Protein backbone atom coordinates (compact mmCIF):
# COMPACT_ATOMS: atom_id res chain seq x y z
CA MET A 1 103.01 63.16 0.85
CA SER A 2 100.75 65.38 -1.07
CA GLU A 3 101.78 68.99 -1.18
CA GLN A 4 98.39 70.13 -2.39
CA GLN A 5 97.06 73.35 -1.00
CA LYS A 6 93.78 72.61 0.73
CA THR A 7 91.55 75.22 2.23
CA THR A 8 90.48 75.01 5.83
CA GLY A 9 87.11 75.97 7.24
CA ASP A 10 88.20 79.57 7.81
CA GLY A 11 89.35 79.99 4.20
CA ALA A 12 93.08 79.91 4.96
CA THR A 13 95.28 77.60 2.96
CA PRO A 14 97.72 75.61 5.09
CA SER A 15 101.25 75.62 3.75
CA GLY A 16 103.36 72.58 3.17
CA PRO A 17 102.61 68.90 2.87
CA GLN A 18 99.33 67.62 4.24
CA PRO A 19 98.95 64.29 6.08
CA GLU A 20 97.39 61.40 4.17
CA PRO A 21 94.12 60.13 5.61
CA ILE A 22 93.98 56.58 6.93
CA ARG A 23 90.88 54.46 6.39
CA PHE A 24 88.47 54.80 9.37
CA PHE A 25 90.72 57.47 10.96
CA GLY A 26 91.02 60.28 8.45
CA THR A 27 93.77 62.58 9.69
CA THR A 28 92.99 62.17 13.40
CA TRP A 29 96.16 60.07 13.68
CA VAL A 30 98.32 63.20 13.45
CA GLU A 31 97.27 64.71 16.78
CA HIS A 32 95.38 61.67 18.19
CA ASP A 33 92.23 63.76 18.45
CA GLY A 34 88.65 63.43 17.25
CA GLY A 35 87.90 60.13 18.98
CA TYR A 36 91.13 58.47 17.88
CA GLY A 37 91.19 56.04 20.82
CA LEU A 38 87.58 55.03 20.31
CA ARG A 39 88.18 54.53 16.60
CA ARG A 40 91.16 52.29 17.32
CA ALA A 41 89.11 50.23 19.75
CA GLY A 42 86.26 50.05 17.26
CA VAL A 43 88.56 48.89 14.46
CA ALA A 44 90.15 46.24 16.70
CA VAL A 45 86.81 44.89 17.94
CA GLY A 46 85.18 45.14 14.53
CA ALA A 47 88.03 43.33 12.78
CA ALA A 48 88.08 40.60 15.43
CA ALA A 49 84.31 40.14 15.16
CA ALA A 50 84.47 40.05 11.35
CA ALA A 51 87.30 37.49 11.51
CA ALA A 52 85.24 35.33 13.87
CA VAL A 53 82.20 35.52 11.57
CA GLY A 54 84.42 34.73 8.58
CA ALA A 55 85.92 31.73 10.35
CA LEU A 56 82.41 30.53 11.17
CA ALA A 57 81.40 30.88 7.51
CA LEU A 58 84.47 28.88 6.48
CA ARG A 59 83.59 26.23 9.03
CA LEU A 60 80.05 25.96 7.66
CA GLY A 61 81.47 25.66 4.13
CA TYR A 62 83.81 22.92 5.26
CA GLN A 63 80.91 21.07 6.90
CA GLY A 64 79.08 21.29 3.59
CA LEU A 65 82.04 19.60 1.90
CA THR A 66 82.08 16.80 4.47
CA ILE A 67 78.31 16.28 4.13
CA ALA A 68 78.71 16.13 0.33
CA ASP A 69 81.42 13.47 0.87
CA VAL A 70 83.74 14.90 -1.78
CA GLY A 71 86.74 13.01 -0.46
CA GLY A 72 89.55 13.44 2.01
CA VAL A 73 91.99 14.89 -0.51
CA LEU A 74 89.69 17.79 -1.43
CA ASN A 75 88.87 18.45 2.23
CA ALA A 76 92.58 18.61 3.08
CA LEU A 77 93.27 20.78 0.04
CA VAL A 78 90.61 23.29 1.09
CA ILE A 79 92.01 23.48 4.63
CA VAL A 80 95.59 23.96 3.39
CA MET A 81 94.47 26.57 0.83
CA PHE A 82 92.66 28.73 3.39
CA ALA A 83 95.45 28.35 5.95
CA VAL A 84 98.24 29.27 3.53
CA CYS A 85 96.28 32.14 1.96
CA SER A 86 95.39 33.51 5.41
CA ALA A 87 99.02 33.36 6.52
CA ILE A 88 100.27 35.10 3.36
CA ALA A 89 97.49 37.70 3.56
CA PHE A 90 98.29 38.39 7.22
CA ARG A 91 102.00 38.81 6.48
CA LYS A 92 101.53 41.06 3.44
CA THR A 93 98.91 43.19 5.19
CA TRP A 94 101.16 43.55 8.25
CA GLU A 95 104.12 44.54 6.06
CA GLY A 96 101.88 47.05 4.27
CA PHE A 97 101.42 48.86 7.57
CA THR A 98 105.16 49.42 7.99
CA ARG A 99 106.48 50.01 4.46
CA ARG A 100 105.31 50.81 0.96
CA PRO A 101 105.34 47.95 -1.55
CA SER A 102 108.35 48.03 -3.85
CA GLY A 103 108.50 47.17 -7.52
CA ALA A 104 105.67 45.26 -9.18
CA ALA A 105 104.37 43.90 -5.87
CA GLY A 106 101.76 46.61 -5.52
CA PRO A 107 98.52 46.33 -3.59
CA ASP A 108 96.78 44.59 -6.49
CA ALA A 109 99.43 41.91 -6.98
CA LEU A 110 98.05 39.61 -4.27
CA ARG A 111 94.40 40.62 -4.41
CA SER A 112 93.16 37.05 -4.99
CA VAL A 113 95.29 35.67 -2.14
CA ARG A 114 94.01 38.37 0.19
CA THR A 115 90.44 37.64 -0.86
CA VAL A 116 90.76 33.94 -0.07
CA GLY A 117 92.77 34.66 3.09
CA PHE A 118 90.48 37.41 4.32
CA VAL A 119 90.65 36.08 7.88
CA GLY A 120 94.38 36.85 7.93
CA VAL A 121 93.75 40.39 6.67
CA LEU A 122 91.14 41.00 9.37
CA LEU A 123 93.41 39.63 12.10
CA ALA A 124 96.26 41.87 10.92
CA TRP A 125 93.94 44.90 11.17
CA CYS A 126 92.80 43.79 14.62
CA PHE A 127 96.29 43.29 16.04
CA ARG A 128 97.70 46.46 14.49
CA ALA A 129 94.82 48.54 15.85
CA LEU A 130 95.80 47.42 19.35
CA LYS A 131 99.13 49.25 18.91
CA GLU A 132 98.28 52.18 16.60
CA ALA A 133 96.06 53.10 13.69
CA PRO A 134 96.92 50.63 10.93
CA GLY A 135 99.58 52.33 8.82
CA GLU A 136 100.10 55.21 11.24
CA GLY A 137 103.81 54.55 11.75
CA LEU A 138 104.48 54.56 8.01
CA TYR A 139 102.37 57.65 7.35
CA ARG A 140 103.87 59.49 10.33
CA ARG A 141 107.45 58.83 9.15
CA GLU A 142 106.58 59.98 5.63
CA TYR A 143 104.71 63.04 6.89
CA GLU A 144 107.50 64.11 9.25
CA THR A 145 110.12 63.60 6.52
CA ALA A 146 108.08 65.63 4.03
CA ARG A 147 107.46 68.30 6.65
CA ALA A 148 111.17 68.54 7.51
CA GLN A 149 112.11 68.79 3.83
CA TYR A 150 109.47 71.45 3.28
CA ASP A 151 110.67 73.45 6.31
CA LYS A 152 114.27 73.17 5.11
CA ARG A 153 113.35 74.40 1.63
CA ARG A 154 111.26 77.14 3.16
CA ARG A 155 114.09 78.38 5.41
CA THR A 156 116.56 78.58 2.52
CA ARG A 157 114.15 80.64 0.40
CA THR A 158 113.02 83.19 3.00
CA GLY A 159 114.24 86.72 3.06
CA ASN A 160 114.84 89.44 0.54
CA PRO A 161 117.60 88.39 -1.87
CA ALA A 162 118.60 92.03 -2.42
CA ALA A 163 119.25 92.50 1.28
CA ARG A 164 121.51 89.47 1.65
CA GLY A 165 124.67 91.56 1.49
CA THR A 166 123.56 94.08 4.13
CA THR A 167 122.24 91.85 6.89
CA GLU A 168 123.63 88.56 7.93
CA SER A 169 121.25 85.63 7.38
CA PRO A 170 121.31 82.76 9.86
CA GLY A 171 123.87 80.18 8.81
CA ARG A 172 125.55 82.42 6.24
CA SER A 173 128.71 84.45 6.52
CA ALA A 174 128.56 88.13 5.68
CA ARG A 175 130.15 88.85 2.32
CA PRO A 176 131.62 92.23 1.56
CA LYS A 177 129.98 94.19 -1.22
CA ARG A 178 131.81 94.46 -4.51
CA LYS A 179 133.38 97.77 -5.33
CA ARG A 180 132.84 99.12 -8.80
């Protein structure tokens, strides 16, 4: 989570970590406001429509290969390639909604597979948008963890350190003052 201090419209700076924006949703996922439901529906319908158009484009490309009579082996290879790449792209995109990539397997590691298997990526976005904003669960867990850590740090630092001996702070036992 970013702990940057951003100014709001009224000039006040909110304290603590700020939620990360999600593509197409911004930060409306935090409170489910600002047309969140309509955005989810729009993402689901848009991704499904784009996947259908992409599948149609792949079908037209395959028909071009059959018209060109390139051979059965190449036709089968093209079908297997798009099917496998779509399955891998779907799986990796779906996993990206629930956890951050670890190690060297960052978002750019499978860029070519996701490009070829774009139908799988679009279907993952469509199905995830039916449940929540894609990535919302991951971002919400991270935001709540960062917020809890910030609040915990904030609570331990509040108060006047000079007055700690005179008034009892919550969670601390009163210590007697030293005699000189």
